[in-house]
Amino acid sequence: MKKRNRFLRVIMILLVVLTVFKTVDFALSELTDKKAYRDAVSVSEEEWNGVFGKVAYNETLTDSDYELILSQTGLGKPAVDKLITEGNVGRIEEYREFYLMDKDYVCYREGVFACHEAITDENGERITNPDFADIQNGDILITLSIHSLGWRHGHAAVVVDAQRGITAEAVMFGKKSSYGKVKDWKNYPLVAVLRLKDADESIRNEIAQFTDENMIGIYYGLLAGVIWGRNTENIPVTTQCAHFVWFVYKNAGIDIDSDGGTVITPKDILESENLETVQIYGNIKEM
């Protein structure tokens, strides 16, 4: 009888703890969502047509032109230039239509602690972002659509095979680093594609190859990069998503940790001056 009562008390305590956790998580998430999800602001059609006309007639674009295109489409300079070179300028208009449309999101739990978000339309139906305009080997994918207790820690990955749409990443507790799919990142409301600035394609290919050959099958460790893992002479014993991405770039002699803090986070990588924006969805760069 005593064992039974003890067991019931343990169950009750666990239920209370779980209820409190979910309540706090929901409340904190509501606060951070107000900052995370804001609709893009459309410029006047006259202003947009002026810049798009320069694109259509292959005129030289200024930095301010690229900034306006980014604000209206989520396309950075590398993606814009690629679409122009390939004669796909019509897709810029298509990206703008999607980027400015009214969207919402739904939150669902993945594992015990983390909440993931997916995109929904105005009717609440699940949708995805369009295909990324430009994905190359060595590109970095960042999302801030994953949170725990209101902290948008997000997730990060490296593209190791752009042609096949394959990433490499450290996912979560209990799992070793593994391969993923670029297309899965289209589900996130807040996502960015980043690329090493002013880097030869061969360097980015080398980073992708190093990642593919050395970084798969590493145990997940939340403290990776804090207590250990900053020495790039040896492959780390444990890693976490942002540390994983940081390590392969640091191994190539490039530090993409923007603040040099104790913990390496996806947001630190997002703000690195060594990277340029290829494409974004949502207002991830403004957070």
Protein backbone atom coordinates (compact mmCIF):
# COMPACT_ATOMS: atom_id res chain seq x y z
CA MET A 1 0.00 0.00 0.00
CA LYS A 2 2.86 2.38 0.92
CA LYS A 3 4.63 1.62 -2.37
CA ARG A 4 1.42 2.33 -4.25
CA ASN A 5 0.93 5.68 -2.48
CA ARG A 6 4.57 6.62 -3.07
CA PHE A 7 4.19 5.79 -6.75
CA LEU A 8 1.03 7.92 -7.00
CA ARG A 9 2.80 10.84 -5.31
CA VAL A 10 5.65 10.62 -7.79
CA ILE A 11 3.18 10.59 -10.68
CA MET A 12 1.36 13.62 -9.26
CA ILE A 13 4.62 15.52 -8.79
CA LEU A 14 5.66 14.78 -12.36
CA LEU A 15 2.27 15.93 -13.66
CA VAL A 16 2.52 19.16 -11.68
CA VAL A 17 6.08 19.80 -12.93
CA LEU A 18 5.02 19.10 -16.51
CA THR A 19 2.00 21.39 -16.20
CA VAL A 20 4.08 24.21 -14.76
CA PHE A 21 6.72 23.75 -17.47
CA LYS A 22 4.17 23.87 -20.27
CA THR A 23 2.44 26.91 -18.74
CA VAL A 24 5.71 28.84 -18.37
CA ASP A 25 6.87 27.72 -21.82
CA PHE A 26 3.62 28.91 -23.40
CA ALA A 27 3.69 32.27 -21.59
CA LEU A 28 7.31 33.00 -22.49
CA SER A 29 6.75 31.86 -26.07
CA GLU A 30 3.85 34.29 -26.42
CA LEU A 31 6.17 37.13 -25.43
CA THR A 32 8.92 36.21 -27.89
CA ASP A 33 6.43 35.57 -30.71
CA LYS A 34 5.35 39.22 -30.66
CA LYS A 35 8.87 40.16 -31.69
CA ALA A 36 9.47 37.21 -34.01
CA TYR A 37 6.44 37.40 -36.26
CA ARG A 38 5.79 40.73 -37.91
CA ASP A 39 4.45 41.15 -41.42
CA ALA A 40 6.83 42.49 -44.06
CA VAL A 41 6.14 46.12 -45.02
CA SER A 42 5.49 46.64 -48.71
CA VAL A 43 6.88 49.70 -50.49
CA SER A 44 4.81 51.57 -53.05
CA GLU A 45 4.37 49.91 -56.42
CA GLU A 46 6.03 52.92 -58.03
CA GLU A 47 9.15 52.44 -55.94
CA TRP A 48 9.19 48.68 -56.51
CA ASN A 49 8.62 48.99 -60.27
CA GLY A 50 11.50 51.44 -60.49
CA VAL A 51 13.94 48.95 -59.03
CA PHE A 52 12.46 45.91 -60.74
CA GLY A 53 12.63 47.75 -64.05
CA LYS A 54 16.40 48.02 -63.58
CA VAL A 55 16.48 44.26 -62.94
CA ALA A 56 14.40 43.48 -66.01
CA TYR A 57 16.58 45.61 -68.27
CA ASN A 58 19.80 44.31 -66.70
CA GLU A 59 20.86 47.71 -65.46
CA THR A 60 23.46 48.10 -62.72
CA LEU A 61 21.93 47.82 -59.24
CA THR A 62 23.12 49.94 -56.35
CA ASP A 63 23.51 48.77 -52.75
CA SER A 64 20.24 50.50 -51.88
CA ASP A 65 18.53 48.66 -54.76
CA TYR A 66 19.69 45.32 -53.37
CA GLU A 67 18.53 46.35 -49.88
CA LEU A 68 15.07 47.19 -51.19
CA ILE A 69 14.84 43.89 -53.08
CA LEU A 70 15.86 42.05 -49.89
CA SER A 71 13.17 43.83 -47.87
CA GLN A 72 10.50 42.94 -50.44
CA THR A 73 11.51 39.41 -51.47
CA GLY A 74 13.94 38.01 -48.89
CA LEU A 75 16.51 37.61 -51.69
CA GLY A 76 20.07 38.70 -50.97
CA LYS A 77 22.54 39.91 -53.59
CA PRO A 78 23.91 36.41 -54.48
CA ALA A 79 20.40 35.07 -55.13
CA VAL A 80 19.33 38.15 -57.12
CA ASP A 81 22.44 38.02 -59.29
CA LYS A 82 21.96 34.29 -59.92
CA LEU A 83 18.34 34.74 -61.02
CA ILE A 84 19.33 37.61 -63.33
CA THR A 85 22.23 35.65 -64.84
CA GLU A 86 19.99 32.64 -65.47
CA GLY A 87 17.26 34.80 -67.02
CA ASN A 88 14.78 34.00 -64.23
CA VAL A 89 13.92 37.57 -63.19
CA GLY A 90 10.22 36.64 -63.17
CA ARG A 91 10.87 34.52 -60.11
CA ILE A 92 11.88 37.63 -58.19
CA GLU A 93 8.28 38.82 -58.52
CA GLU A 94 7.07 35.38 -57.38
CA TYR A 95 9.27 35.49 -54.30
CA ARG A 96 7.95 38.96 -53.53
CA GLU A 97 4.34 37.79 -53.74
CA PHE A 98 5.00 35.01 -51.23
CA TYR A 99 7.23 37.11 -48.98
CA LEU A 100 4.58 39.81 -48.56
CA MET A 101 1.52 37.54 -48.27
CA ASP A 102 -0.26 37.16 -44.93
CA LYS A 103 1.07 34.08 -43.16
CA ASP A 104 0.80 32.61 -39.70
CA TYR A 105 2.43 29.72 -37.90
CA VAL A 106 1.61 26.72 -35.76
CA CYS A 107 3.76 25.49 -32.87
CA TYR A 108 4.31 21.83 -32.10
CA ARG A 109 6.57 20.03 -29.65
CA GLU A 110 9.53 18.04 -30.96
CA GLY A 111 11.02 16.04 -28.11
CA VAL A 112 10.57 16.94 -24.44
CA PHE A 113 11.65 20.58 -24.40
CA ALA A 114 11.85 22.09 -27.88
CA CYS A 115 8.92 23.66 -29.72
CA HIS A 116 9.13 23.85 -33.50
CA GLU A 117 7.06 26.15 -35.69
CA ALA A 118 5.64 25.58 -39.15
CA ILE A 119 4.00 27.97 -41.62
CA THR A 120 0.26 28.22 -42.15
CA ASP A 121 -1.79 30.31 -44.55
CA GLU A 122 -4.69 32.60 -43.61
CA ASN A 123 -6.98 29.55 -43.42
CA GLY A 124 -4.72 27.73 -40.99
CA GLU A 125 -3.52 25.21 -43.58
CA ARG A 126 0.11 24.10 -43.41
CA ILE A 127 2.24 25.47 -46.26
CA THR A 128 5.97 25.70 -46.97
CA ASN A 129 8.25 28.39 -48.31
CA PRO A 130 9.14 28.18 -52.02
CA ASP A 131 12.38 26.43 -53.00
CA PHE A 132 15.47 28.39 -52.06
CA ALA A 133 16.70 30.47 -54.98
CA ASP A 134 20.36 29.56 -54.59
CA ILE A 135 21.93 26.77 -52.52
CA GLN A 136 25.63 25.91 -52.81
CA ASN A 137 28.08 23.64 -51.03
CA GLY A 138 29.25 25.12 -47.74
CA ASP A 139 26.19 27.34 -47.32
CA ILE A 140 24.81 27.68 -43.81
CA LEU A 141 21.15 27.29 -42.92
CA ILE A 142 19.86 29.07 -39.81
CA THR A 143 16.38 29.09 -38.27
CA LEU A 144 15.06 30.81 -35.16
CA SER A 145 11.71 28.99 -35.34
CA ILE A 146 12.69 26.59 -32.55
CA HIS A 147 12.40 27.64 -28.93
CA SER A 148 12.46 26.32 -25.37
CA LEU A 149 11.03 28.25 -22.42
CA GLY A 150 10.80 31.34 -24.61
CA TRP A 151 14.43 31.24 -25.74
CA ARG A 152 14.67 31.14 -29.53
CA HIS A 153 17.86 29.13 -29.67
CA GLY A 154 17.02 27.96 -33.19
CA HIS A 155 19.04 25.50 -35.24
CA ALA A 156 21.93 25.51 -37.74
CA ALA A 157 23.28 23.23 -40.48
CA VAL A 158 25.88 23.09 -43.26
CA VAL A 159 25.05 22.18 -46.88
CA VAL A 160 27.39 19.34 -47.87
CA ASP A 161 25.80 18.36 -51.21
CA ALA A 162 23.84 21.17 -52.82
CA GLN A 163 23.01 19.17 -55.93
CA ARG A 164 21.26 16.49 -53.89
CA GLY A 165 19.99 18.90 -51.23
CA ILE A 166 21.88 17.27 -48.34
CA THR A 167 22.87 18.98 -45.08
CA ALA A 168 24.96 17.89 -42.10
CA GLU A 169 23.88 18.90 -38.61
CA ALA A 170 23.79 18.14 -34.90
CA VAL A 171 20.13 17.71 -34.10
CA MET A 172 19.27 17.01 -30.46
CA PHE A 173 20.03 15.16 -27.25
CA GLY A 174 20.28 11.41 -27.70
CA LYS A 175 21.19 11.63 -31.37
CA LYS A 176 24.52 11.78 -33.15
CA SER A 177 25.22 14.37 -35.83
CA SER A 178 23.80 13.18 -39.13
CA TYR A 179 22.64 14.10 -42.60
CA GLY A 180 19.48 16.09 -43.22
CA LYS A 181 17.58 17.57 -46.15
CA VAL A 182 17.57 21.14 -47.41
CA LYS A 183 13.89 20.84 -48.30
CA ASP A 184 12.96 20.32 -44.63
CA TRP A 185 14.14 23.86 -43.91
CA LYS A 186 11.34 25.24 -46.11
CA ASN A 187 8.94 24.42 -43.26
CA TYR A 188 10.32 27.08 -40.92
CA PRO A 189 8.73 30.56 -40.82
CA LEU A 190 12.10 32.14 -39.87
CA VAL A 191 15.03 30.87 -41.91
CA ALA A 192 18.20 32.22 -43.53
CA VAL A 193 20.68 30.95 -46.10
CA LEU A 194 24.15 32.39 -45.45
CA ARG A 195 27.36 32.18 -47.49
CA LEU A 196 31.01 32.95 -46.83
CA LYS A 197 31.82 36.43 -48.15
CA ASP A 198 34.30 36.92 -50.97
CA ALA A 199 35.24 33.24 -50.92
CA ASP A 200 36.27 31.13 -53.86
CA GLU A 201 33.93 28.24 -54.62
CA SER A 202 36.77 25.80 -53.98
CA ILE A 203 37.04 26.97 -50.34
CA ARG A 204 33.34 26.40 -49.76
CA ASN A 205 33.61 22.98 -51.39
CA GLU A 206 36.51 22.11 -49.09
CA ILE A 207 34.44 23.10 -46.05
CA ALA A 208 31.57 20.93 -47.25
CA GLN A 209 33.92 18.00 -47.91
CA PHE A 210 35.58 18.32 -44.48
CA THR A 211 32.15 18.34 -42.84
CA ASP A 212 31.01 15.29 -44.78
CA GLU A 213 34.15 13.28 -44.03
CA ASN A 214 34.72 14.23 -40.37
CA MET A 215 31.60 15.52 -38.62
CA ILE A 216 29.01 12.76 -38.99
CA GLY A 217 28.32 10.52 -36.00
CA ILE A 218 29.40 12.90 -33.21
CA TYR A 219 27.47 12.80 -29.94
CA TYR A 220 25.30 15.79 -29.04
CA GLY A 221 26.56 17.88 -26.12
CA LEU A 222 24.91 21.10 -24.97
CA LEU A 223 28.17 22.39 -23.47
CA ALA A 224 30.22 21.77 -26.60
CA GLY A 225 32.26 24.87 -27.28
CA VAL A 226 31.89 26.07 -23.68
CA ILE A 227 34.16 23.75 -21.70
CA TRP A 228 35.71 21.93 -24.63
CA GLY A 229 35.58 21.82 -28.40
CA ARG A 230 37.28 25.15 -29.19
CA ASN A 231 40.49 23.41 -30.24
CA THR A 232 40.19 22.76 -33.97
CA GLU A 233 43.25 20.53 -34.07
CA ASN A 234 41.06 17.61 -33.02
CA ILE A 235 37.56 16.57 -34.08
CA PRO A 236 35.25 17.28 -31.11
CA VAL A 237 33.91 14.40 -29.04
CA THR A 238 30.56 16.19 -28.64
CA THR A 239 28.90 19.05 -30.49
CA GLN A 240 25.70 21.07 -30.74
CA CYS A 241 24.16 22.62 -33.84
CA ALA A 242 25.84 26.05 -33.79
CA HIS A 243 29.14 24.69 -32.50
CA PHE A 244 29.03 22.10 -35.30
CA VAL A 245 28.79 24.82 -37.96
CA TRP A 246 31.30 27.09 -36.23
CA PHE A 247 33.84 24.27 -35.91
CA VAL A 248 33.99 23.37 -39.61
CA TYR A 249 34.51 27.02 -40.55
CA LYS A 250 37.03 27.63 -37.78
CA ASN A 251 38.91 24.56 -39.02
CA ALA A 252 39.22 26.42 -42.35
CA GLY A 253 40.59 29.47 -40.50
CA ILE A 254 37.35 31.48 -40.44
CA ASP A 255 35.67 32.46 -37.18
CA ILE A 256 31.93 32.96 -37.67
CA ASP A 257 31.11 33.46 -33.98
CA SER A 258 30.09 37.13 -34.10
CA ASP A 259 30.47 37.96 -30.42
CA GLY A 260 33.13 35.51 -29.21
CA GLY A 261 30.96 34.69 -26.20
CA THR A 262 31.00 31.62 -24.00
CA VAL A 263 28.20 29.88 -25.88
CA ILE A 264 28.03 29.67 -29.68
CA THR A 265 24.43 30.09 -30.87
CA PRO A 266 22.72 30.16 -34.28
CA LYS A 267 22.06 33.89 -33.74
CA ASP A 268 25.81 34.48 -33.27
CA ILE A 269 26.39 32.90 -36.67
CA LEU A 270 23.48 34.81 -38.22
CA GLU A 271 25.15 38.09 -37.25
CA SER A 272 28.67 37.16 -38.41
CA GLU A 273 30.35 39.80 -40.59
CA ASN A 274 32.15 37.00 -42.43
CA LEU A 275 28.88 35.79 -43.95
CA GLU A 276 26.48 37.33 -46.43
CA THR A 277 22.75 36.78 -46.79
CA VAL A 278 21.71 34.67 -49.76
CA GLN A 279 18.03 34.49 -48.81
CA ILE A 280 15.73 34.84 -45.82
CA TYR A 281 12.13 34.04 -44.96
CA GLY A 282 10.43 36.05 -42.24
CA ASN A 283 12.08 38.87 -40.30
CA ILE A 284 14.87 36.66 -38.96
CA LYS A 285 17.54 39.32 -39.59
CA GLU A 286 15.65 41.91 -37.55
CA MET A 287 15.34 39.88 -34.36
